[in-house]
N, C-alpha and C. Protein backbone atom coordinates (compact mmCIF):
# COMPACT_ATOMS: atom_id res chain seq x y z
N MET A 1 17.41 -8.46 8.28
CA MET A 1 16.54 -7.77 8.98
C MET A 1 15.64 -8.23 9.97
N ASP A 2 15.39 -7.76 11.45
CA ASP A 2 14.87 -8.66 12.35
C ASP A 2 13.61 -8.03 12.58
N ASP A 3 12.82 -9.00 13.15
CA ASP A 3 11.23 -8.17 13.28
C ASP A 3 10.74 -7.08 13.89
N ALA A 4 11.44 -6.38 15.13
CA ALA A 4 11.53 -5.26 15.13
C ALA A 4 11.86 -4.23 13.94
N THR A 5 12.92 -4.16 13.38
CA THR A 5 12.97 -3.20 12.53
C THR A 5 12.16 -3.51 11.25
N PHE A 6 11.80 -4.75 11.16
CA PHE A 6 10.31 -4.75 10.06
C PHE A 6 9.35 -4.27 10.68
N ASP A 7 8.95 -4.49 11.48
CA ASP A 7 7.64 -3.70 12.11
C ASP A 7 7.40 -2.27 12.21
N LYS A 8 8.85 -1.47 12.86
CA LYS A 8 8.84 -0.35 12.38
C LYS A 8 8.74 0.33 11.19
N ILE A 9 9.68 -0.16 9.90
CA ILE A 9 9.39 0.22 8.52
C ILE A 9 8.46 -0.01 8.17
N ALA A 10 7.78 -1.27 8.15
CA ALA A 10 6.54 -1.22 7.84
C ALA A 10 5.33 -0.71 7.91
N ARG A 11 5.30 -0.29 9.67
CA ARG A 11 4.42 0.48 10.26
C ARG A 11 4.35 1.99 9.65
N ASN A 12 5.70 2.52 9.31
CA ASN A 12 5.84 3.70 9.07
C ASN A 12 5.58 3.77 7.66
N GLU A 13 5.59 2.95 6.67
CA GLU A 13 4.53 2.98 5.48
C GLU A 13 3.46 2.74 5.14
N LEU A 14 2.99 2.20 5.96
CA LEU A 14 1.57 1.93 6.14
C LEU A 14 0.76 3.26 6.65
N SER A 15 1.78 3.75 7.78
CA SER A 15 1.02 5.24 8.34
C SER A 15 0.93 6.26 7.30
N TYR A 16 2.15 6.19 6.61
CA TYR A 16 2.16 7.29 5.95
C TYR A 16 1.15 7.22 4.71
N ILE A 17 1.07 6.15 3.73
CA ILE A 17 0.19 5.71 3.17
C ILE A 17 -1.29 6.08 3.80
N GLU A 18 -1.63 5.63 5.13
CA GLU A 18 -2.93 6.20 5.39
C GLU A 18 -3.28 7.92 5.39
N GLU A 19 -2.01 8.51 5.91
CA GLU A 19 -1.91 9.42 5.91
C GLU A 19 -2.21 10.69 4.54
N GLN A 20 -1.74 10.07 3.60
CA GLN A 20 -2.26 10.68 2.24
C GLN A 20 -3.41 10.79 1.89
N PHE A 21 -4.59 9.97 2.38
CA PHE A 21 -5.72 9.75 2.05
C PHE A 21 -6.56 10.65 3.13
N MET A 22 -5.77 11.50 4.08
CA MET A 22 -6.59 12.37 4.73
C MET A 22 -7.19 14.00 4.17
N GLU A 23 -6.84 13.97 3.26
CA GLU A 23 -7.22 14.80 2.14
C GLU A 23 -8.29 14.40 1.05
N VAL A 24 -7.97 13.27 1.03
CA VAL A 24 -8.91 12.59 -0.01
C VAL A 24 -10.55 12.51 0.62
N ASP A 25 -11.64 12.89 -0.51
CA ASP A 25 -12.85 13.21 -0.22
C ASP A 25 -13.30 11.45 0.39
N PRO A 26 -14.17 11.12 1.81
CA PRO A 26 -14.24 9.88 2.09
C PRO A 26 -15.23 9.30 0.96
N ASP A 27 -16.18 10.30 0.20
CA ASP A 27 -16.81 9.78 -0.51
C ASP A 27 -16.46 9.23 -1.76
N GLU A 28 -15.14 9.28 -2.07
CA GLU A 28 -14.43 8.88 -2.97
C GLU A 28 -13.63 7.59 -2.60
N VAL A 29 -13.05 7.69 -1.36
CA VAL A 29 -12.11 6.28 -0.92
C VAL A 29 -12.40 6.65 0.48
N GLU A 30 -13.21 5.96 1.48
CA GLU A 30 -12.95 5.77 2.66
C GLU A 30 -12.03 4.60 3.18
N VAL A 31 -11.40 5.27 4.30
CA VAL A 31 -10.00 4.10 4.44
C VAL A 31 -10.06 3.93 6.03
N SER A 32 -10.14 2.72 6.02
CA SER A 32 -9.47 2.03 7.74
C SER A 32 -8.63 1.16 7.83
N SER A 33 -8.29 1.33 9.47
CA SER A 33 -7.15 0.49 9.34
C SER A 33 -7.29 0.05 10.60
N SER A 34 -6.45 -1.15 10.81
CA SER A 34 -6.74 -1.97 12.20
C SER A 34 -5.39 -3.16 11.87
N ASP A 35 -4.58 -2.75 13.23
CA ASP A 35 -3.44 -3.76 13.34
C ASP A 35 -2.29 -4.13 12.04
N GLY A 36 -2.15 -3.10 11.51
CA GLY A 36 -0.94 -3.48 10.10
C GLY A 36 -1.66 -3.47 8.98
N VAL A 37 -3.26 -3.62 8.92
CA VAL A 37 -3.83 -3.30 7.91
C VAL A 37 -4.88 -2.09 7.21
N ILE A 38 -4.75 -1.47 6.01
CA ILE A 38 -5.19 -0.45 5.83
C ILE A 38 -6.32 -1.32 4.46
N THR A 39 -7.62 -1.00 4.65
CA THR A 39 -8.36 -1.16 3.58
C THR A 39 -8.99 0.30 2.83
N LEU A 40 -8.77 0.51 2.05
CA LEU A 40 -9.70 1.38 1.24
C LEU A 40 -10.77 0.93 0.38
N GLU A 41 -11.93 1.64 0.67
CA GLU A 41 -13.11 1.02 0.12
C GLU A 41 -13.09 2.34 -1.58
N LEU A 42 -13.17 2.35 -2.82
CA LEU A 42 -13.36 3.28 -3.79
C LEU A 42 -14.89 3.33 -3.63
N ARG A 43 -14.98 4.66 -4.04
CA ARG A 43 -16.73 4.88 -4.54
C ARG A 43 -17.19 3.98 -5.54
N ASP A 44 -16.81 3.28 -6.31
CA ASP A 44 -16.81 2.48 -7.37
C ASP A 44 -17.14 0.59 -6.63
N GLY A 45 -16.74 0.36 -5.39
CA GLY A 45 -16.83 -0.82 -4.79
C GLY A 45 -15.71 -1.50 -4.66
N VAL A 46 -14.88 -1.04 -5.56
CA VAL A 46 -13.77 -1.48 -5.32
C VAL A 46 -12.92 -1.28 -3.71
N ARG A 47 -12.06 -2.50 -3.47
CA ARG A 47 -11.59 -2.58 -2.35
C ARG A 47 -10.46 -3.01 -2.48
N ILE A 48 -9.47 -2.22 -2.14
CA ILE A 48 -7.64 -2.33 -2.16
C ILE A 48 -7.14 -2.73 -0.15
N VAL A 49 -6.81 -3.79 0.16
CA VAL A 49 -6.23 -4.04 0.95
C VAL A 49 -4.59 -4.22 1.21
N ILE A 50 -4.08 -3.56 2.10
CA ILE A 50 -2.44 -3.69 2.05
C ILE A 50 -2.49 -3.61 3.59
N ASN A 51 -1.56 -4.70 3.66
CA ASN A 51 -0.80 -5.26 5.02
C ASN A 51 0.04 -5.83 5.15
N SER A 52 0.57 -5.50 6.02
CA SER A 52 2.42 -6.02 6.29
C SER A 52 2.33 -7.38 7.14
N HIS A 53 3.25 -8.01 6.47
CA HIS A 53 3.19 -9.72 6.51
C HIS A 53 4.99 -10.05 7.27
N ARG A 54 4.72 -10.15 8.31
CA ARG A 54 6.15 -10.05 9.15
C ARG A 54 6.81 -11.60 8.54
N ALA A 55 6.02 -12.74 8.62
CA ALA A 55 6.88 -13.60 8.23
C ALA A 55 7.04 -13.69 6.72
N ALA A 56 6.78 -13.19 5.74
CA ALA A 56 7.66 -13.15 4.81
C ALA A 56 8.40 -11.78 4.25
N ARG A 57 8.25 -10.88 5.96
CA ARG A 57 9.08 -9.48 5.56
C ARG A 57 8.82 -8.66 4.24
N GLN A 58 7.46 -8.59 4.24
CA GLN A 58 6.82 -7.82 3.18
C GLN A 58 5.52 -7.37 3.32
N ILE A 59 5.09 -6.11 2.37
CA ILE A 59 4.08 -5.25 2.61
C ILE A 59 3.22 -6.25 1.49
N TRP A 60 2.00 -6.65 1.65
CA TRP A 60 1.48 -7.17 0.77
C TRP A 60 -0.12 -6.28 0.35
N MET A 61 -0.14 -6.14 -1.19
CA MET A 61 -1.53 -5.28 -1.70
C MET A 61 -2.28 -6.15 -2.52
N ALA A 62 -3.62 -6.05 -2.14
CA ALA A 62 -4.55 -6.82 -3.11
C ALA A 62 -5.67 -5.71 -3.47
N ALA A 63 -6.38 -5.95 -4.95
CA ALA A 63 -6.69 -4.74 -5.57
C ALA A 63 -7.47 -5.33 -7.04
N VAL A 64 -8.90 -5.50 -6.96
CA VAL A 64 -8.92 -5.79 -8.09
C VAL A 64 -8.99 -7.49 -7.82
N ALA A 65 -8.51 -7.74 -9.27
CA ALA A 65 -7.84 -9.53 -9.46
C ALA A 65 -6.48 -9.24 -9.31
N ASP A 66 -5.83 -8.52 -8.80
CA ASP A 66 -4.32 -8.22 -8.84
C ASP A 66 -3.98 -8.77 -7.29
N ALA A 67 -2.88 -9.01 -7.05
CA ALA A 67 -2.04 -8.93 -5.63
C ALA A 67 -0.36 -8.80 -6.21
N TRP A 68 -0.06 -7.83 -5.09
CA TRP A 68 1.49 -7.40 -5.05
C TRP A 68 2.36 -7.91 -3.94
N HIS A 69 3.42 -8.23 -3.80
CA HIS A 69 3.92 -8.62 -2.48
C HIS A 69 5.46 -7.89 -2.95
N PHE A 70 5.26 -6.65 -2.02
CA PHE A 70 6.68 -6.00 -1.81
C PHE A 70 7.86 -6.12 -0.86
N ASN A 71 8.96 -6.26 -1.59
CA ASN A 71 10.01 -6.22 -0.51
C ASN A 71 10.81 -4.87 -0.05
N TYR A 72 10.97 -4.69 1.29
CA TYR A 72 12.26 -3.53 1.51
C TYR A 72 13.10 -3.49 0.69
N ASN A 73 13.18 -2.16 -0.43
CA ASN A 73 15.18 -2.19 -0.85
C ASN A 73 16.04 -1.22 0.02
N GLU A 74 16.25 -1.70 0.77
CA GLU A 74 17.67 -1.11 1.78
C GLU A 74 18.48 0.30 0.49
N SER A 75 18.66 0.13 -0.38
CA SER A 75 19.37 0.69 -1.33
C SER A 75 18.34 2.01 -1.16
N ASP A 76 17.36 2.07 -1.80
CA ASP A 76 16.59 3.09 -1.64
C ASP A 76 15.68 3.45 -0.79
N LYS A 77 15.43 2.52 0.27
CA LYS A 77 14.41 2.70 1.02
C LYS A 77 12.84 2.88 0.45
N LEU A 78 12.70 1.95 -0.59
CA LEU A 78 11.48 1.49 -1.23
C LEU A 78 10.76 0.18 -1.26
N TRP A 79 9.71 -0.13 -1.09
CA TRP A 79 9.43 -1.25 -1.12
C TRP A 79 8.76 -1.52 -2.76
N ARG A 80 9.63 -2.78 -3.21
CA ARG A 80 9.65 -3.17 -4.51
C ARG A 80 9.25 -4.66 -4.35
N THR A 81 8.59 -5.00 -5.73
CA THR A 81 8.21 -6.51 -6.16
C THR A 81 9.58 -7.22 -6.57
N SER A 82 9.93 -8.39 -6.11
CA SER A 82 10.86 -8.96 -6.82
C SER A 82 11.01 -9.04 -8.02
N GLU A 83 10.17 -8.86 -8.78
CA GLU A 83 10.22 -9.35 -10.20
C GLU A 83 11.37 -8.80 -11.27
N SER A 84 11.73 -9.42 -12.47
CA SER A 84 12.60 -8.17 -13.38
C SER A 84 12.32 -7.32 -13.15
N ASN A 85 11.22 -6.87 -13.68
CA ASN A 85 11.05 -5.18 -14.19
C ASN A 85 9.87 -5.19 -12.64
N PRO A 86 10.70 -4.54 -11.28
CA PRO A 86 10.03 -4.19 -10.36
C PRO A 86 8.94 -3.39 -10.23
N ALA A 87 7.58 -3.56 -9.56
CA ALA A 87 7.03 -2.26 -9.21
C ALA A 87 7.18 -1.93 -7.82
N GLU A 88 6.66 -0.54 -7.56
CA GLU A 88 6.85 0.00 -6.39
C GLU A 88 5.76 0.14 -5.85
N LEU A 89 5.51 0.28 -4.15
CA LEU A 89 4.30 -0.08 -4.04
C LEU A 89 3.78 0.99 -4.04
N ARG A 90 4.18 2.35 -3.52
CA ARG A 90 3.09 3.92 -3.59
C ARG A 90 3.11 3.96 -5.25
N ALA A 91 3.66 3.95 -6.22
CA ALA A 91 3.50 3.90 -7.38
C ALA A 91 2.14 2.93 -8.51
N THR A 92 2.41 1.43 -7.69
CA THR A 92 1.46 0.72 -7.82
C THR A 92 -0.23 1.22 -7.41
N LEU A 93 -0.21 1.42 -6.16
CA LEU A 93 -1.29 2.03 -5.52
C LEU A 93 -1.96 3.14 -6.12
N LYS A 94 -1.34 4.18 -6.72
CA LYS A 94 -1.59 5.56 -7.05
C LYS A 94 -2.05 5.24 -8.46
N ALA A 95 -1.36 3.78 -9.26
CA ALA A 95 -1.64 4.11 -10.21
C ALA A 95 -3.19 2.85 -10.46
N VAL A 96 -3.24 2.12 -9.61
CA VAL A 96 -4.84 1.59 -9.52
C VAL A 96 -5.88 2.45 -9.17
N ILE A 97 -5.87 3.31 -8.42
CA ILE A 97 -6.44 4.44 -7.60
C ILE A 97 -6.80 5.50 -8.81
N LYS A 98 -5.92 5.63 -9.75
CA LYS A 98 -5.93 6.46 -10.95
C LYS A 98 -6.72 5.46 -11.91
N LYS A 99 -6.67 4.51 -12.12
CA LYS A 99 -7.02 3.65 -13.23
C LYS A 99 -8.43 3.52 -12.52
N GLN A 100 -9.06 3.43 -11.43
CA GLN A 100 -10.68 2.77 -10.99
C GLN A 100 -11.47 4.13 -10.51
N LEU A 101 -10.86 5.14 -10.47
CA LEU A 101 -11.57 6.40 -10.13
C LEU A 101 -11.11 7.85 -10.77
N GLY A 102 -10.01 7.95 -10.79
CA GLY A 102 -9.46 9.01 -12.26
C GLY A 102 -8.77 10.22 -11.19
N LEU A 103 -8.76 9.72 -9.60
CA LEU A 103 -8.13 10.51 -8.92
C LEU A 103 -6.55 10.45 -9.08
N ASP A 104 -6.18 11.32 -8.94
CA ASP A 104 -4.84 11.63 -8.65
C ASP A 104 -4.27 11.75 -7.04
N VAL A 105 -3.98 10.50 -6.68
CA VAL A 105 -3.73 10.53 -5.00
C VAL A 105 -2.16 10.77 -4.97
N PRO A 106 -2.01 12.16 -4.26
CA PRO A 106 -0.28 12.34 -3.74
C PRO A 106 0.28 11.18 -2.99
N LEU A 107 0.97 10.30 -3.68
CA LEU A 107 1.77 8.82 -2.90
C LEU A 107 3.56 9.52 -2.94
């Protein structure tokens, strides 16, 4: 995948994630974004950072004491970790928010 293709696919994914938080009360989750980085400030003080990383062709996410590196899977058009039991970006983000706040964000 070339840089332009990666940038477009990653940007679309980050935009989608950001849009899903438009209906979430900002007192629960405050969203900010800048130049390929989304920061979610949860009401309990936890910060989730999601960013595209062009050199690695990945989307990275850090939350609490964990970090994930997601690769784009052409076959199912999802961002997944490369572990033997891969995690998917949207499901992982949803699970972190559910665990921290009890909120069910539609991702």
